[in-house]
Amino acid sequence: MNIQTLLDALGIQEDAARALSDDLRTQIAKLQARLREAETHHEHLAITRKTVTALADRIPAHADSTDLPEHPDYPRILAVFNETTGPLRAREVCEALDHELLPKNIEGTRAKRNARSSSTSSSRPTPEASPGSSRRPSTTTSSCDHDR
């Protein structure tokens, strides 16, 4: 066996080992950077949790269901509003509640809706009071007077 052939083979193996070491160092550097990012994100989440927990005592509690008027249609009306993505007219609420589309029922529903929206900070505009509407909001305080 020729010594030069052996030295050449060792040189090839050394080059391969050096290249592998360099690749592993590069991967380690990238992983360390990702680890620092993950640790920073974790610290930010911990700070956010601490801040939210500290502020939780300052945030007013949600309105109790006892704040709702004592009428059986109120929870049903609220459920109709929660199921929709846009504004509803009083007529549409009556339809969703299977009420007869009589003026007294529509006006009663409108009065309940307006009373509820004025007692909460609702950002949902009522169609009757929206800009460009020729109709004015109803001031009727009657309720739906029908049997179900």
C-alpha atoms as a PDB file:
ATOM      1  CA  MET A   1       0.000   0.000   0.000  1.00  0.00           C
ATOM      2  CA  ASN A   2       1.269   3.381  -0.928  1.00  0.00           C
ATOM      3  CA  ILE A   3       1.521   5.918   1.904  1.00  0.00           C
ATOM      4  CA  GLN A   4       0.411   8.766  -0.356  1.00  0.00           C
ATOM      5  CA  THR A   5      -2.863   6.989  -1.140  1.00  0.00           C
ATOM      6  CA  LEU A   6      -3.458   6.540   2.592  1.00  0.00           C
ATOM      7  CA  LEU A   7      -2.722  10.218   3.268  1.00  0.00           C
ATOM      8  CA  ASP A   8      -5.057  11.278   0.454  1.00  0.00           C
ATOM      9  CA  ALA A   9      -7.845   9.118   1.895  1.00  0.00           C
ATOM     10  CA  LEU A  10      -7.262  10.641   5.354  1.00  0.00           C
ATOM     11  CA  GLY A  11      -7.357  14.157   3.813  1.00  0.00           C
ATOM     12  CA  ILE A  12     -10.731  13.421   2.208  1.00  0.00           C
ATOM     13  CA  GLN A  13     -12.106  12.145   5.524  1.00  0.00           C
ATOM     14  CA  GLU A  14     -10.721  15.199   7.367  1.00  0.00           C
ATOM     15  CA  ASP A  15     -12.365  17.540   4.845  1.00  0.00           C
ATOM     16  CA  ALA A  16     -15.678  15.692   5.236  1.00  0.00           C
ATOM     17  CA  ALA A  17     -15.416  15.820   9.036  1.00  0.00           C
ATOM     18  CA  ARG A  18     -14.576  19.555   8.904  1.00  0.00           C
ATOM     19  CA  ALA A  19     -17.529  20.240   6.604  1.00  0.00           C
ATOM     20  CA  LEU A  20     -19.835  18.257   8.896  1.00  0.00           C
ATOM     21  CA  SER A  21     -18.533  20.188  11.932  1.00  0.00           C
ATOM     22  CA  ASP A  22     -19.097  23.507  10.136  1.00  0.00           C
ATOM     23  CA  ASP A  23     -22.642  22.484   9.159  1.00  0.00           C
ATOM     24  CA  LEU A  24     -23.405  21.410  12.731  1.00  0.00           C
ATOM     25  CA  ARG A  25     -22.039  24.716  14.118  1.00  0.00           C
ATOM     26  CA  THR A  26     -24.265  26.617  11.666  1.00  0.00           C
ATOM     27  CA  GLN A  27     -27.285  24.553  12.729  1.00  0.00           C
ATOM     28  CA  ILE A  28     -26.433  25.118  16.411  1.00  0.00           C
ATOM     29  CA  ALA A  29     -26.208  28.887  15.821  1.00  0.00           C
ATOM     30  CA  LYS A  30     -29.603  28.877  14.093  1.00  0.00           C
ATOM     31  CA  LEU A  31     -31.140  26.769  16.862  1.00  0.00           C
ATOM     32  CA  GLN A  32     -29.682  29.083  19.523  1.00  0.00           C
ATOM     33  CA  ALA A  33     -31.249  32.073  17.745  1.00  0.00           C
ATOM     34  CA  ARG A  34     -34.605  30.276  17.593  1.00  0.00           C
ATOM     35  CA  LEU A  35     -34.247  29.347  21.258  1.00  0.00           C
ATOM     36  CA  ARG A  36     -33.617  32.993  22.196  1.00  0.00           C
ATOM     37  CA  GLU A  37     -36.696  34.039  20.195  1.00  0.00           C
ATOM     38  CA  ALA A  38     -38.835  31.361  21.881  1.00  0.00           C
ATOM     39  CA  GLU A  39     -37.581  32.341  25.339  1.00  0.00           C
ATOM     40  CA  THR A  40     -38.282  36.024  24.623  1.00  0.00           C
ATOM     41  CA  HIS A  41     -41.783  35.168  23.417  1.00  0.00           C
ATOM     42  CA  HIS A  42     -42.329  33.078  26.546  1.00  0.00           C
ATOM     43  CA  GLU A  43     -41.187  35.991  28.735  1.00  0.00           C
ATOM     44  CA  HIS A  44     -43.559  38.359  26.916  1.00  0.00           C
ATOM     45  CA  LEU A  45     -46.444  35.950  27.455  1.00  0.00           C
ATOM     46  CA  ALA A  46     -45.601  35.702  31.145  1.00  0.00           C
ATOM     47  CA  ILE A  47     -45.536  39.508  31.423  1.00  0.00           C
ATOM     48  CA  THR A  48     -48.864  39.722  29.588  1.00  0.00           C
ATOM     49  CA  ARG A  49     -50.415  37.140  31.906  1.00  0.00           C
ATOM     50  CA  LYS A  50     -49.137  39.053  34.940  1.00  0.00           C
ATOM     51  CA  THR A  51     -50.492  42.350  33.570  1.00  0.00           C
ATOM     52  CA  VAL A  52     -53.894  40.904  32.682  1.00  0.00           C
ATOM     53  CA  THR A  53     -54.160  39.247  36.080  1.00  0.00           C
ATOM     54  CA  ALA A  54     -53.278  42.516  37.810  1.00  0.00           C
ATOM     55  CA  LEU A  55     -55.850  44.418  35.741  1.00  0.00           C
ATOM     56  CA  ALA A  56     -58.594  41.838  36.198  1.00  0.00           C
ATOM     57  CA  ASP A  57     -59.591  43.366  39.523  1.00  0.00           C
ATOM     58  CA  ARG A  58     -60.060  46.760  37.863  1.00  0.00           C
ATOM     59  CA  ILE A  59     -62.315  45.564  35.039  1.00  0.00           C
ATOM     60  CA  PRO A  60     -66.022  45.780  35.890  1.00  0.00           C
ATOM     61  CA  ALA A  61     -67.831  42.464  35.958  1.00  0.00           C
ATOM     62  CA  HIS A  62     -70.286  41.583  33.203  1.00  0.00           C
ATOM     63  CA  ALA A  63     -73.882  42.544  33.784  1.00  0.00           C
ATOM     64  CA  ASP A  64     -75.802  39.896  35.667  1.00  0.00           C
ATOM     65  CA  SER A  65     -78.850  38.356  34.145  1.00  0.00           C
ATOM     66  CA  THR A  66     -80.732  40.118  36.965  1.00  0.00           C
ATOM     67  CA  ASP A  67     -80.056  43.368  35.079  1.00  0.00           C
ATOM     68  CA  LEU A  68     -82.323  42.137  32.294  1.00  0.00           C
ATOM     69  CA  PRO A  69     -85.931  43.250  32.363  1.00  0.00           C
ATOM     70  CA  GLU A  70     -88.302  40.612  33.640  1.00  0.00           C
ATOM     71  CA  HIS A  71     -89.920  39.533  30.404  1.00  0.00           C
ATOM     72  CA  PRO A  72     -89.684  36.061  28.870  1.00  0.00           C
ATOM     73  CA  ASP A  73     -88.846  37.451  25.412  1.00  0.00           C
ATOM     74  CA  TYR A  74     -85.641  39.240  26.468  1.00  0.00           C
ATOM     75  CA  PRO A  75     -83.400  36.147  26.532  1.00  0.00           C
ATOM     76  CA  ARG A  76     -84.903  35.034  23.229  1.00  0.00           C
ATOM     77  CA  ILE A  77     -84.331  38.463  21.635  1.00  0.00           C
ATOM     78  CA  LEU A  78     -80.743  38.499  22.865  1.00  0.00           C
ATOM     79  CA  ALA A  79     -80.248  35.011  21.433  1.00  0.00           C
ATOM     80  CA  VAL A  80     -81.511  36.229  18.037  1.00  0.00           C
ATOM     81  CA  PHE A  81     -79.036  39.135  18.125  1.00  0.00           C
ATOM     82  CA  ASN A  82     -76.197  36.806  19.146  1.00  0.00           C
ATOM     83  CA  GLU A  83     -76.923  34.512  16.198  1.00  0.00           C
ATOM     84  CA  THR A  84     -76.753  37.279  13.589  1.00  0.00           C
ATOM     85  CA  THR A  85     -73.758  39.179  12.260  1.00  0.00           C
ATOM     86  CA  GLY A  86     -75.506  42.404  11.240  1.00  0.00           C
ATOM     87  CA  PRO A  87     -78.203  44.737  12.504  1.00  0.00           C
ATOM     88  CA  LEU A  88     -81.769  43.501  12.799  1.00  0.00           C
ATOM     89  CA  ARG A  89     -84.972  45.419  12.385  1.00  0.00           C
ATOM     90  CA  ALA A  90     -87.751  44.893  14.924  1.00  0.00           C
ATOM     91  CA  ARG A  91     -89.819  43.149  12.222  1.00  0.00           C
ATOM     92  CA  GLU A  92     -86.979  40.636  11.654  1.00  0.00           C
ATOM     93  CA  VAL A  93     -86.731  39.976  15.399  1.00  0.00           C
ATOM     94  CA  CYS A  94     -90.482  39.297  15.525  1.00  0.00           C
ATOM     95  CA  GLU A  95     -90.138  36.913  12.593  1.00  0.00           C
ATOM     96  CA  ALA A  96     -87.245  35.107  14.288  1.00  0.00           C
ATOM     97  CA  LEU A  97     -89.307  34.788  17.480  1.00  0.00           C
ATOM     98  CA  ASP A  98     -92.329  33.513  15.531  1.00  0.00           C
ATOM     99  CA  HIS A  99     -94.469  36.461  16.636  1.00  0.00           C
ATOM    100  CA  GLU A 100     -97.347  37.606  14.498  1.00  0.00           C
ATOM    101  CA  LEU A 101     -96.287  40.567  12.373  1.00  0.00           C
ATOM    102  CA  LEU A 102     -98.814  42.922  13.933  1.00  0.00           C
ATOM    103  CA  PRO A 103     -97.895  46.566  14.604  1.00  0.00           C
ATOM    104  CA  LYS A 104     -98.282  46.093  18.371  1.00  0.00           C
ATOM    105  CA  ASN A 105     -95.822  43.175  18.329  1.00  0.00           C
ATOM    106  CA  ILE A 106     -93.283  44.968  16.155  1.00  0.00           C
ATOM    107  CA  GLU A 107     -93.459  48.143  18.251  1.00  0.00           C
ATOM    108  CA  GLY A 108     -93.193  46.142  21.473  1.00  0.00           C
ATOM    109  CA  THR A 109     -90.123  44.341  20.176  1.00  0.00           C
ATOM    110  CA  ARG A 110     -88.619  47.643  19.052  1.00  0.00           C
ATOM    111  CA  ALA A 111     -89.231  49.130  22.500  1.00  0.00           C
ATOM    112  CA  LYS A 112     -87.573  46.167  24.216  1.00  0.00           C
ATOM    113  CA  ARG A 113     -84.639  46.296  21.805  1.00  0.00           C
ATOM    114  CA  ASN A 114     -84.206  50.045  22.290  1.00  0.00           C
ATOM    115  CA  ALA A 115     -84.485  49.745  26.071  1.00  0.00           C
ATOM    116  CA  ARG A 116     -81.844  47.012  26.127  1.00  0.00           C
ATOM    117  CA  SER A 117     -79.491  48.789  23.740  1.00  0.00           C
ATOM    118  CA  SER A 118     -79.738  52.015  25.733  1.00  0.00           C
ATOM    119  CA  SER A 119     -78.904  50.177  28.973  1.00  0.00           C
ATOM    120  CA  THR A 120     -75.747  48.661  27.465  1.00  0.00           C
ATOM    121  CA  SER A 121     -72.962  50.170  25.443  1.00  0.00           C
ATOM    122  CA  SER A 122     -74.009  48.606  22.172  1.00  0.00           C
ATOM    123  CA  SER A 123     -72.039  49.643  19.125  1.00  0.00           C
ATOM    124  CA  ARG A 124     -74.644  48.119  16.825  1.00  0.00           C
ATOM    125  CA  PRO A 125     -76.663  50.932  15.173  1.00  0.00           C
ATOM    126  CA  THR A 126     -80.374  50.473  14.903  1.00  0.00           C
ATOM    127  CA  PRO A 127     -81.637  50.594  11.328  1.00  0.00           C
ATOM    128  CA  GLU A 128     -84.337  53.110  12.246  1.00  0.00           C
ATOM    129  CA  ALA A 129     -81.770  55.535  13.667  1.00  0.00           C
ATOM    130  CA  SER A 130     -79.054  54.992  11.096  1.00  0.00           C
ATOM    131  CA  PRO A 131     -77.835  57.941   9.000  1.00  0.00           C
ATOM    132  CA  GLY A 132     -79.810  58.435   5.834  1.00  0.00           C
ATOM    133  CA  SER A 133     -82.897  56.800   7.287  1.00  0.00           C
ATOM    134  CA  SER A 134     -86.082  58.805   7.027  1.00  0.00           C
ATOM    135  CA  ARG A 135     -87.595  56.958   9.993  1.00  0.00           C
ATOM    136  CA  ARG A 136     -87.052  58.118  13.527  1.00  0.00           C
ATOM    137  CA  PRO A 137     -86.521  55.707  16.429  1.00  0.00           C
ATOM    138  CA  SER A 138     -89.720  54.644  18.119  1.00  0.00           C
ATOM    139  CA  THR A 139     -90.501  55.849  21.621  1.00  0.00           C
ATOM    140  CA  THR A 140     -93.261  53.315  22.147  1.00  0.00           C
ATOM    141  CA  THR A 141     -92.967  51.387  25.409  1.00  0.00           C
ATOM    142  CA  SER A 142     -95.525  48.678  24.752  1.00  0.00           C
ATOM    143  CA  SER A 143     -94.615  45.012  24.824  1.00  0.00           C
ATOM    144  CA  CYS A 144     -95.623  42.065  22.714  1.00  0.00           C
ATOM    145  CA  ASP A 145     -99.130  41.278  23.957  1.00  0.00           C
ATOM    146  CA  HIS A 146     -99.800  37.929  22.440  1.00  0.00           C
ATOM    147  CA  ASP A 147    -100.034  34.413  23.776  1.00  0.00           C
ATOM    148  CA  ARG A 148     -97.620  31.746  22.649  1.00  0.00           C
END
